[in-house]
Amino acid sequence: MTLHPVLDAPDSQTLFFIFRDATSGKTTYGGGRFLYSSLPKAGTLELDFNKAFSPPCAFTDFATCPLPPPQNRLSVAIDAGEKAPAH
């Protein structure tokens, strides 16, 4: 599985991932979730999906959020991380 990160700034020390998975719209926010990670060390990167969180637009209609790019729409379920907020 490959996820494509976004750099918040050219000198950023973290990678930002926007992803959607098989739980989106069921047990997690339908638009996807966010995840930050440290930069790769020795060419290796470990993602801790326990730290995945819902974007601000999951909580209010007054926020706008980026959607996951097509390559970050996963067919597998990532059951770790923040679940859908109760309204």
PDB file of N, CA and C in Angstrom:
ATOM      1  N   MET A   1       0.853  -1.168   0.000  1.00  0.00           N
ATOM      2  CA  MET A   1       0.000   0.000   0.000  1.00  0.00           C
ATOM      3  C   MET A   1       0.898   1.230   0.000  1.00  0.00           C
ATOM      4  N   THR A   2       0.528   2.210  -0.798  1.00  0.00           N
ATOM      5  CA  THR A   2       1.295   3.444  -0.877  1.00  0.00           C
ATOM      6  C   THR A   2       0.368   4.628  -0.643  1.00  0.00           C
ATOM      7  N   LEU A   3       0.782   5.528   0.215  1.00  0.00           N
ATOM      8  CA  LEU A   3       0.084   6.796   0.418  1.00  0.00           C
ATOM      9  C   LEU A   3       1.018   7.916   0.003  1.00  0.00           C
ATOM     10  N   HIS A   4       0.475   8.931  -0.617  1.00  0.00           N
ATOM     11  CA  HIS A   4       1.270  10.068  -1.053  1.00  0.00           C
ATOM     12  C   HIS A   4       1.076  11.223  -0.075  1.00  0.00           C
ATOM     13  N   PRO A   5       2.171  11.708   0.529  1.00  0.00           N
ATOM     14  CA  PRO A   5       2.071  12.798   1.507  1.00  0.00           C
ATOM     15  C   PRO A   5       2.075  14.170   0.837  1.00  0.00           C
ATOM     16  N   VAL A   6       1.780  15.146   1.661  1.00  0.00           N
ATOM     17  CA  VAL A   6       1.850  16.553   1.282  1.00  0.00           C
ATOM     18  C   VAL A   6       2.814  17.215   2.256  1.00  0.00           C
ATOM     19  N   LEU A   7       3.657  18.091   1.762  1.00  0.00           N
ATOM     20  CA  LEU A   7       4.508  18.896   2.648  1.00  0.00           C
ATOM     21  C   LEU A   7       3.782  20.200   2.919  1.00  0.00           C
ATOM     22  N   ASP A   8       3.609  20.548   4.186  1.00  0.00           N
ATOM     23  CA  ASP A   8       2.951  21.815   4.535  1.00  0.00           C
ATOM     24  C   ASP A   8       3.786  23.009   4.091  1.00  0.00           C
ATOM     25  N   ALA A   9       5.109  22.855   4.119  1.00  0.00           N
ATOM     26  CA  ALA A   9       6.043  23.917   3.726  1.00  0.00           C
ATOM     27  C   ALA A   9       7.327  23.238   3.249  1.00  0.00           C
ATOM     28  N   PRO A  10       8.124  23.903   2.418  1.00  0.00           N
ATOM     29  CA  PRO A  10       9.355  23.280   1.913  1.00  0.00           C
ATOM     30  C   PRO A  10      10.315  22.811   3.002  1.00  0.00           C
ATOM     31  N   ASP A  11      10.325  23.477   4.152  1.00  0.00           N
ATOM     32  CA  ASP A  11      11.232  23.104   5.233  1.00  0.00           C
ATOM     33  C   ASP A  11      10.525  22.302   6.341  1.00  0.00           C
ATOM     34  N   SER A  12       9.369  21.754   6.028  1.00  0.00           N
ATOM     35  CA  SER A  12       8.580  21.022   7.009  1.00  0.00           C
ATOM     36  C   SER A  12       9.343  19.809   7.532  1.00  0.00           C
ATOM     37  N   GLN A  13       9.165  19.516   8.796  1.00  0.00           N
ATOM     38  CA  GLN A  13       9.783  18.355   9.433  1.00  0.00           C
ATOM     39  C   GLN A  13       8.791  17.210   9.618  1.00  0.00           C
ATOM     40  N   THR A  14       7.613  17.359   9.039  1.00  0.00           N
ATOM     41  CA  THR A  14       6.594  16.312   9.097  1.00  0.00           C
ATOM     42  C   THR A  14       5.960  16.141   7.723  1.00  0.00           C
ATOM     43  N   LEU A  15       5.390  14.984   7.512  1.00  0.00           N
ATOM     44  CA  LEU A  15       4.613  14.709   6.313  1.00  0.00           C
ATOM     45  C   LEU A  15       3.141  14.698   6.696  1.00  0.00           C
ATOM     46  N   PHE A  16       2.304  15.201   5.809  1.00  0.00           N
ATOM     47  CA  PHE A  16       0.867  15.289   6.036  1.00  0.00           C
ATOM     48  C   PHE A  16       0.174  14.384   5.022  1.00  0.00           C
ATOM     49  N   PHE A  17      -0.635  13.457   5.528  1.00  0.00           N
ATOM     50  CA  PHE A  17      -1.366  12.535   4.671  1.00  0.00           C
ATOM     51  C   PHE A  17      -2.859  12.806   4.787  1.00  0.00           C
ATOM     52  N   ILE A  18      -3.527  12.833   3.662  1.00  0.00           N
ATOM     53  CA  ILE A  18      -4.981  12.912   3.596  1.00  0.00           C
ATOM     54  C   ILE A  18      -5.413  11.604   2.949  1.00  0.00           C
ATOM     55  N   PHE A  19      -6.195  10.806   3.649  1.00  0.00           N
ATOM     56  CA  PHE A  19      -6.563   9.505   3.097  1.00  0.00           C
ATOM     57  C   PHE A  19      -8.012   9.165   3.395  1.00  0.00           C
ATOM     58  N   ARG A  20      -8.505   8.264   2.609  1.00  0.00           N
ATOM     59  CA  ARG A  20      -9.849   7.717   2.755  1.00  0.00           C
ATOM     60  C   ARG A  20      -9.694   6.202   2.702  1.00  0.00           C
ATOM     61  N   ASP A  21     -10.509   5.471   3.442  1.00  0.00           N
ATOM     62  CA  ASP A  21     -10.400   4.013   3.442  1.00  0.00           C
ATOM     63  C   ASP A  21     -11.795   3.404   3.498  1.00  0.00           C
ATOM     64  N   ALA A  22     -11.863   2.095   3.621  1.00  0.00           N
ATOM     65  CA  ALA A  22     -13.154   1.396   3.598  1.00  0.00           C
ATOM     66  C   ALA A  22     -14.049   1.731   4.787  1.00  0.00           C
ATOM     67  N   THR A  23     -13.526   2.396   5.820  1.00  0.00           N
ATOM     68  CA  THR A  23     -14.364   2.804   6.955  1.00  0.00           C
ATOM     69  C   THR A  23     -15.002   4.174   6.729  1.00  0.00           C
ATOM     70  N   SER A  24     -14.525   4.914   5.736  1.00  0.00           N
ATOM     71  CA  SER A  24     -15.022   6.279   5.490  1.00  0.00           C
ATOM     72  C   SER A  24     -16.522   6.265   5.188  1.00  0.00           C
ATOM     73  N   GLY A  25     -17.251   7.077   5.922  1.00  0.00           N
ATOM     74  CA  GLY A  25     -18.690   7.150   5.764  1.00  0.00           C
ATOM     75  C   GLY A  25     -19.449   6.096   6.553  1.00  0.00           C
ATOM     76  N   LYS A  26     -18.718   5.189   7.179  1.00  0.00           N
ATOM     77  CA  LYS A  26     -19.356   4.149   7.995  1.00  0.00           C
ATOM     78  C   LYS A  26     -19.028   4.402   9.460  1.00  0.00           C
ATOM     79  N   THR A  27     -17.789   4.120   9.852  1.00  0.00           N
ATOM     80  CA  THR A  27     -17.389   4.344  11.242  1.00  0.00           C
ATOM     81  C   THR A  27     -16.472   5.549  11.388  1.00  0.00           C
ATOM     82  N   THR A  28     -16.002   6.092  10.256  1.00  0.00           N
ATOM     83  CA  THR A  28     -15.170   7.300  10.287  1.00  0.00           C
ATOM     84  C   THR A  28     -15.783   8.349   9.364  1.00  0.00           C
ATOM     85  N   TYR A  29     -15.286   9.567   9.458  1.00  0.00           N
ATOM     86  CA  TYR A  29     -15.826  10.663   8.655  1.00  0.00           C
ATOM     87  C   TYR A  29     -15.760  10.330   7.163  1.00  0.00           C
ATOM     88  N   GLY A  30     -16.833  10.591   6.454  1.00  0.00           N
ATOM     89  CA  GLY A  30     -16.951  10.215   5.051  1.00  0.00           C
ATOM     90  C   GLY A  30     -15.958  10.866   4.105  1.00  0.00           C
ATOM     91  N   GLY A  31     -15.512  12.057   4.429  1.00  0.00           N
ATOM     92  CA  GLY A  31     -14.582  12.753   3.554  1.00  0.00           C
ATOM     93  C   GLY A  31     -13.149  12.279   3.674  1.00  0.00           C
ATOM     94  N   GLY A  32     -12.862  11.483   4.691  1.00  0.00           N
ATOM     95  CA  GLY A  32     -11.504  10.998   4.901  1.00  0.00           C
ATOM     96  C   GLY A  32     -10.937  11.482   6.218  1.00  0.00           C
ATOM     97  N   ARG A  33      -9.685  11.148   6.448  1.00  0.00           N
ATOM     98  CA  ARG A  33      -9.007  11.544   7.686  1.00  0.00           C
ATOM     99  C   ARG A  33      -7.610  12.068   7.377  1.00  0.00           C
ATOM    100  N   PHE A  34      -7.021  12.689   8.381  1.00  0.00           N
ATOM    101  CA  PHE A  34      -5.677  13.258   8.272  1.00  0.00           C
ATOM    102  C   PHE A  34      -4.724  12.464   9.158  1.00  0.00           C
ATOM    103  N   LEU A  35      -3.448  12.523   8.798  1.00  0.00           N
ATOM    104  CA  LEU A  35      -2.418  11.853   9.579  1.00  0.00           C
ATOM    105  C   LEU A  35      -1.091  12.562   9.341  1.00  0.00           C
ATOM    106  N   TYR A  36      -0.377  12.839  10.408  1.00  0.00           N
ATOM    107  CA  TYR A  36       0.975  13.407  10.312  1.00  0.00           C
ATOM    108  C   TYR A  36       1.982  12.325  10.687  1.00  0.00           C
ATOM    109  N   SER A  37       3.157  12.405  10.072  1.00  0.00           N
ATOM    110  CA  SER A  37       4.247  11.501  10.451  1.00  0.00           C
ATOM    111  C   SER A  37       5.564  12.261  10.358  1.00  0.00           C
ATOM    112  N   SER A  38       6.576  11.686  10.985  1.00  0.00           N
ATOM    113  CA  SER A  38       7.919  12.267  10.854  1.00  0.00           C
ATOM    114  C   SER A  38       8.441  11.952   9.454  1.00  0.00           C
ATOM    115  N   LEU A  39       9.537  12.587   9.090  1.00  0.00           N
ATOM    116  CA  LEU A  39      10.166  12.331   7.802  1.00  0.00           C
ATOM    117  C   LEU A  39      10.812  10.946   7.811  1.00  0.00           C
ATOM    118  N   PRO A  40      10.991  10.344   6.641  1.00  0.00           N
ATOM    119  CA  PRO A  40      11.627   9.017   6.598  1.00  0.00           C
ATOM    120  C   PRO A  40      13.040   9.042   7.162  1.00  0.00           C
ATOM    121  N   LYS A  41      13.397   7.940   7.796  1.00  0.00           N
ATOM    122  CA  LYS A  41      14.755   7.767   8.314  1.00  0.00           C
ATOM    123  C   LYS A  41      15.349   6.554   7.618  1.00  0.00           C
ATOM    124  N   ALA A  42      16.477   6.737   6.981  1.00  0.00           N
ATOM    125  CA  ALA A  42      17.156   5.657   6.240  1.00  0.00           C
ATOM    126  C   ALA A  42      16.226   5.043   5.200  1.00  0.00           C
ATOM    127  N   GLY A  43      15.393   5.888   4.572  1.00  0.00           N
ATOM    128  CA  GLY A  43      14.515   5.421   3.510  1.00  0.00           C
ATOM    129  C   GLY A  43      13.276   4.673   3.971  1.00  0.00           C
ATOM    130  N   THR A  44      13.032   4.645   5.280  1.00  0.00           N
ATOM    131  CA  THR A  44      11.891   3.911   5.823  1.00  0.00           C
ATOM    132  C   THR A  44      10.942   4.864   6.549  1.00  0.00           C
ATOM    133  N   LEU A  45       9.665   4.601   6.386  1.00  0.00           N
ATOM    134  CA  LEU A  45       8.657   5.411   7.045  1.00  0.00           C
ATOM    135  C   LEU A  45       7.605   4.490   7.642  1.00  0.00           C
ATOM    136  N   GLU A  46       7.336   4.674   8.919  1.00  0.00           N
ATOM    137  CA  GLU A  46       6.268   3.934   9.587  1.00  0.00           C
ATOM    138  C   GLU A  46       5.143   4.892   9.891  1.00  0.00           C
ATOM    139  N   LEU A  47       3.927   4.487   9.528  1.00  0.00           N
ATOM    140  CA  LEU A  47       2.758   5.306   9.822  1.00  0.00           C
ATOM    141  C   LEU A  47       1.995   4.691  10.985  1.00  0.00           C
ATOM    142  N   ASP A  48       1.637   5.518  11.952  1.00  0.00           N
ATOM    143  CA  ASP A  48       0.857   5.072  13.100  1.00  0.00           C
ATOM    144  C   ASP A  48      -0.581   5.538  12.884  1.00  0.00           C
ATOM    145  N   PHE A  49      -1.408   4.658  12.342  1.00  0.00           N
ATOM    146  CA  PHE A  49      -2.786   5.025  12.040  1.00  0.00           C
ATOM    147  C   PHE A  49      -3.622   5.255  13.293  1.00  0.00           C
ATOM    148  N   ASN A  50      -3.093   4.906  14.466  1.00  0.00           N
ATOM    149  CA  ASN A  50      -3.779   5.256  15.713  1.00  0.00           C
ATOM    150  C   ASN A  50      -3.868   6.765  15.875  1.00  0.00           C
ATOM    151  N   LYS A  51      -3.008   7.487  15.182  1.00  0.00           N
ATOM    152  CA  LYS A  51      -2.987   8.956  15.273  1.00  0.00           C
ATOM    153  C   LYS A  51      -3.794   9.633  14.165  1.00  0.00           C
ATOM    154  N   ALA A  52      -4.497   8.849  13.347  1.00  0.00           N
ATOM    155  CA  ALA A  52      -5.346   9.417  12.304  1.00  0.00           C
ATOM    156  C   ALA A  52      -6.487  10.186  12.965  1.00  0.00           C
ATOM    157  N   PHE A  53      -6.815  11.349  12.396  1.00  0.00           N
ATOM    158  CA  PHE A  53      -7.862  12.167  13.004  1.00  0.00           C
ATOM    159  C   PHE A  53      -8.783  12.760  11.950  1.00  0.00           C
ATOM    160  N   SER A  54      -9.987  13.093  12.386  1.00  0.00           N
ATOM    161  CA  SER A  54     -10.986  13.692  11.511  1.00  0.00           C
ATOM    162  C   SER A  54     -10.630  15.143  11.234  1.00  0.00           C
ATOM    163  N   PRO A  55     -10.871  15.607  10.012  1.00  0.00           N
ATOM    164  CA  PRO A  55     -10.600  17.006   9.687  1.00  0.00           C
ATOM    165  C   PRO A  55     -11.643  17.926  10.321  1.00  0.00           C
ATOM    166  N   PRO A  56     -11.359  19.218  10.369  1.00  0.00           N
ATOM    167  CA  PRO A  56     -12.306  20.166  10.975  1.00  0.00           C
ATOM    168  C   PRO A  56     -13.701  20.115  10.359  1.00  0.00           C
ATOM    169  N   CYS A  57     -13.806  19.827   9.065  1.00  0.00           N
ATOM    170  CA  CYS A  57     -15.123  19.811   8.425  1.00  0.00           C
ATOM    171  C   CYS A  57     -15.998  18.661   8.916  1.00  0.00           C
ATOM    172  N   ALA A  58     -15.433  17.715   9.657  1.00  0.00           N
ATOM    173  CA  ALA A  58     -16.234  16.642  10.254  1.00  0.00           C
ATOM    174  C   ALA A  58     -17.070  17.163  11.411  1.00  0.00           C
ATOM    175  N   PHE A  59     -16.698  18.316  11.937  1.00  0.00           N
ATOM    176  CA  PHE A  59     -17.330  18.844  13.149  1.00  0.00           C
ATOM    177  C   PHE A  59     -18.216  20.056  12.912  1.00  0.00           C
ATOM    178  N   THR A  60     -18.048  20.728  11.754  1.00  0.00           N
ATOM    179  CA  THR A  60     -18.828  21.927  11.476  1.00  0.00           C
ATOM    180  C   THR A  60     -19.030  22.091   9.976  1.00  0.00           C
ATOM    181  N   ASP A  61     -20.159  22.649   9.612  1.00  0.00           N
ATOM    182  CA  ASP A  61     -20.437  22.952   8.197  1.00  0.00           C
ATOM    183  C   ASP A  61     -19.709  24.206   7.742  1.00  0.00           C
ATOM    184  N   PHE A  62     -19.052  24.910   8.660  1.00  0.00           N
ATOM    185  CA  PHE A  62     -18.407  26.179   8.343  1.00  0.00           C
ATOM    186  C   PHE A  62     -16.914  26.044   8.053  1.00  0.00           C
ATOM    187  N   ALA A  63     -16.421  24.829   7.941  1.00  0.00           N
ATOM    188  CA  ALA A  63     -15.007  24.593   7.625  1.00  0.00           C
ATOM    189  C   ALA A  63     -14.905  23.972   6.236  1.00  0.00           C
ATOM    190  N   THR A  64     -13.807  24.227   5.585  1.00  0.00           N
ATOM    191  CA  THR A  64     -13.517  23.562   4.317  1.00  0.00           C
ATOM    192  C   THR A  64     -12.269  22.710   4.518  1.00  0.00           C
ATOM    193  N   CYS A  65     -12.244  21.569   3.881  1.00  0.00           N
ATOM    194  CA  CYS A  65     -11.128  20.641   4.050  1.00  0.00           C
ATOM    195  C   CYS A  65     -10.737  20.053   2.705  1.00  0.00           C
ATOM    196  N   PRO A  66      -9.463  19.761   2.525  1.00  0.00           N
ATOM    197  CA  PRO A  66      -9.056  19.097   1.290  1.00  0.00           C
ATOM    198  C   PRO A  66      -9.542  17.651   1.282  1.00  0.00           C
ATOM    199  N   LEU A  67      -9.840  17.168   0.102  1.00  0.00           N
ATOM    200  CA  LEU A  67     -10.233  15.774  -0.045  1.00  0.00           C
ATOM    201  C   LEU A  67      -9.008  14.936  -0.405  1.00  0.00           C
ATOM    202  N   PRO A  68      -9.022  13.659  -0.074  1.00  0.00           N
ATOM    203  CA  PRO A  68      -7.883  12.814  -0.411  1.00  0.00           C
ATOM    204  C   PRO A  68      -7.726  12.707  -1.925  1.00  0.00           C
ATOM    205  N   PRO A  69      -6.495  12.752  -2.409  1.00  0.00           N
ATOM    206  CA  PRO A  69      -6.294  12.542  -3.842  1.00  0.00           C
ATOM    207  C   PRO A  69      -6.642  11.097  -4.198  1.00  0.00           C
ATOM    208  N   PRO A  70      -6.943  10.822  -5.451  1.00  0.00           N
ATOM    209  CA  PRO A  70      -7.341   9.454  -5.839  1.00  0.00           C
ATOM    210  C   PRO A  70      -6.365   8.371  -5.386  1.00  0.00           C
ATOM    211  N   GLN A  71      -5.079   8.644  -5.411  1.00  0.00           N
ATOM    212  CA  GLN A  71      -4.102   7.617  -5.024  1.00  0.00           C
ATOM    213  C   GLN A  71      -4.102   7.347  -3.517  1.00  0.00           C
ATOM    214  N   ASN A  72      -4.780   8.167  -2.721  1.00  0.00           N
ATOM    215  CA  ASN A  72      -4.867   7.956  -1.276  1.00  0.00           C
ATOM    216  C   ASN A  72      -6.249   7.464  -0.846  1.00  0.00           C
ATOM    217  N   ARG A  73      -6.981   6.887  -1.780  1.00  0.00           N
ATOM    218  CA  ARG A  73      -8.285   6.287  -1.483  1.00  0.00           C
ATOM    219  C   ARG A  73      -8.084   4.780  -1.436  1.00  0.00           C
ATOM    220  N   LEU A  74      -8.034   4.271  -0.228  1.00  0.00           N
ATOM    221  CA  LEU A  74      -7.665   2.876   0.007  1.00  0.00           C
ATOM    222  C   LEU A  74      -8.891   1.965   0.013  1.00  0.00           C
ATOM    223  N   SER A  75      -8.739   0.763  -0.507  1.00  0.00           N
ATOM    224  CA  SER A  75      -9.844  -0.201  -0.506  1.00  0.00           C
ATOM    225  C   SER A  75      -9.894  -1.005   0.789  1.00  0.00           C
ATOM    226  N   VAL A  76      -8.849  -0.923   1.601  1.00  0.00           N
ATOM    227  CA  VAL A  76      -8.805  -1.640   2.877  1.00  0.00           C
ATOM    228  C   VAL A  76      -9.378  -0.773   3.991  1.00  0.00           C
ATOM    229  N   ALA A  77      -9.810  -1.408   5.060  1.00  0.00           N
ATOM    230  CA  ALA A  77     -10.331  -0.689   6.231  1.00  0.00           C
ATOM    231  C   ALA A  77      -9.193  -0.426   7.206  1.00  0.00           C
ATOM    232  N   ILE A  78      -9.051   0.826   7.602  1.00  0.00           N
ATOM    233  CA  ILE A  78      -8.098   1.215   8.639  1.00  0.00           C
ATOM    234  C   ILE A  78      -8.936   1.489   9.890  1.00  0.00           C
ATOM    235  N   ASP A  79      -9.038   0.492  10.761  1.00  0.00           N
ATOM    236  CA  ASP A  79      -9.905   0.610  11.935  1.00  0.00           C
ATOM    237  C   ASP A  79      -9.293   1.427  13.064  1.00  0.00           C
ATOM    238  N   ALA A  80      -8.038   1.807  12.937  1.00  0.00           N
ATOM    239  CA  ALA A  80      -7.364   2.591  13.977  1.00  0.00           C
ATOM    240  C   ALA A  80      -7.679   4.076  13.793  1.00  0.00           C
ATOM    241  N   GLY A  81      -7.447   4.842  14.831  1.00  0.00           N
ATOM    242  CA  GLY A  81      -7.613   6.290  14.768  1.00  0.00           C
ATOM    243  C   GLY A  81      -8.989   6.759  15.176  1.00  0.00           C
ATOM    244  N   GLU A  82      -9.203   8.055  14.986  1.00  0.00           N
ATOM    245  CA  GLU A  82     -10.449   8.686  15.398  1.00  0.00           C
ATOM    246  C   GLU A  82     -11.627   8.181  14.583  1.00  0.00           C
ATOM    247  N   LYS A  83     -12.717   7.943  15.262  1.00  0.00           N
ATOM    248  CA  LYS A  83     -13.953   7.497  14.609  1.00  0.00           C
ATOM    249  C   LYS A  83     -14.817   8.708  14.258  1.00  0.00           C
ATOM    250  N   ALA A  84     -15.922   8.472  13.585  1.00  0.00           N
ATOM    251  CA  ALA A  84     -16.811   9.551  13.170  1.00  0.00           C
ATOM    252  C   ALA A  84     -17.358  10.265  14.397  1.00  0.00           C
ATOM    253  N   PRO A  85     -17.388  11.601  14.353  1.00  0.00           N
ATOM    254  CA  PRO A  85     -17.949  12.330  15.494  1.00  0.00           C
ATOM    255  C   PRO A  85     -19.462  12.147  15.572  1.00  0.00           C
ATOM    256  N   ALA A  86     -19.972  12.112  16.759  1.00  0.00           N
ATOM    257  CA  ALA A  86     -21.431  12.031  16.955  1.00  0.00           C
ATOM    258  C   ALA A  86     -22.017  13.424  16.828  1.00  0.00           C
ATOM    259  N   HIS A  87     -23.074  13.551  16.096  1.00  0.00           N
ATOM    260  CA  HIS A  87     -23.714  14.882  15.923  1.00  0.00           C
ATOM    261  C   HIS A  87     -24.962  14.955  16.728  1.00  0.00           C
TER     262      HIS A  87
END
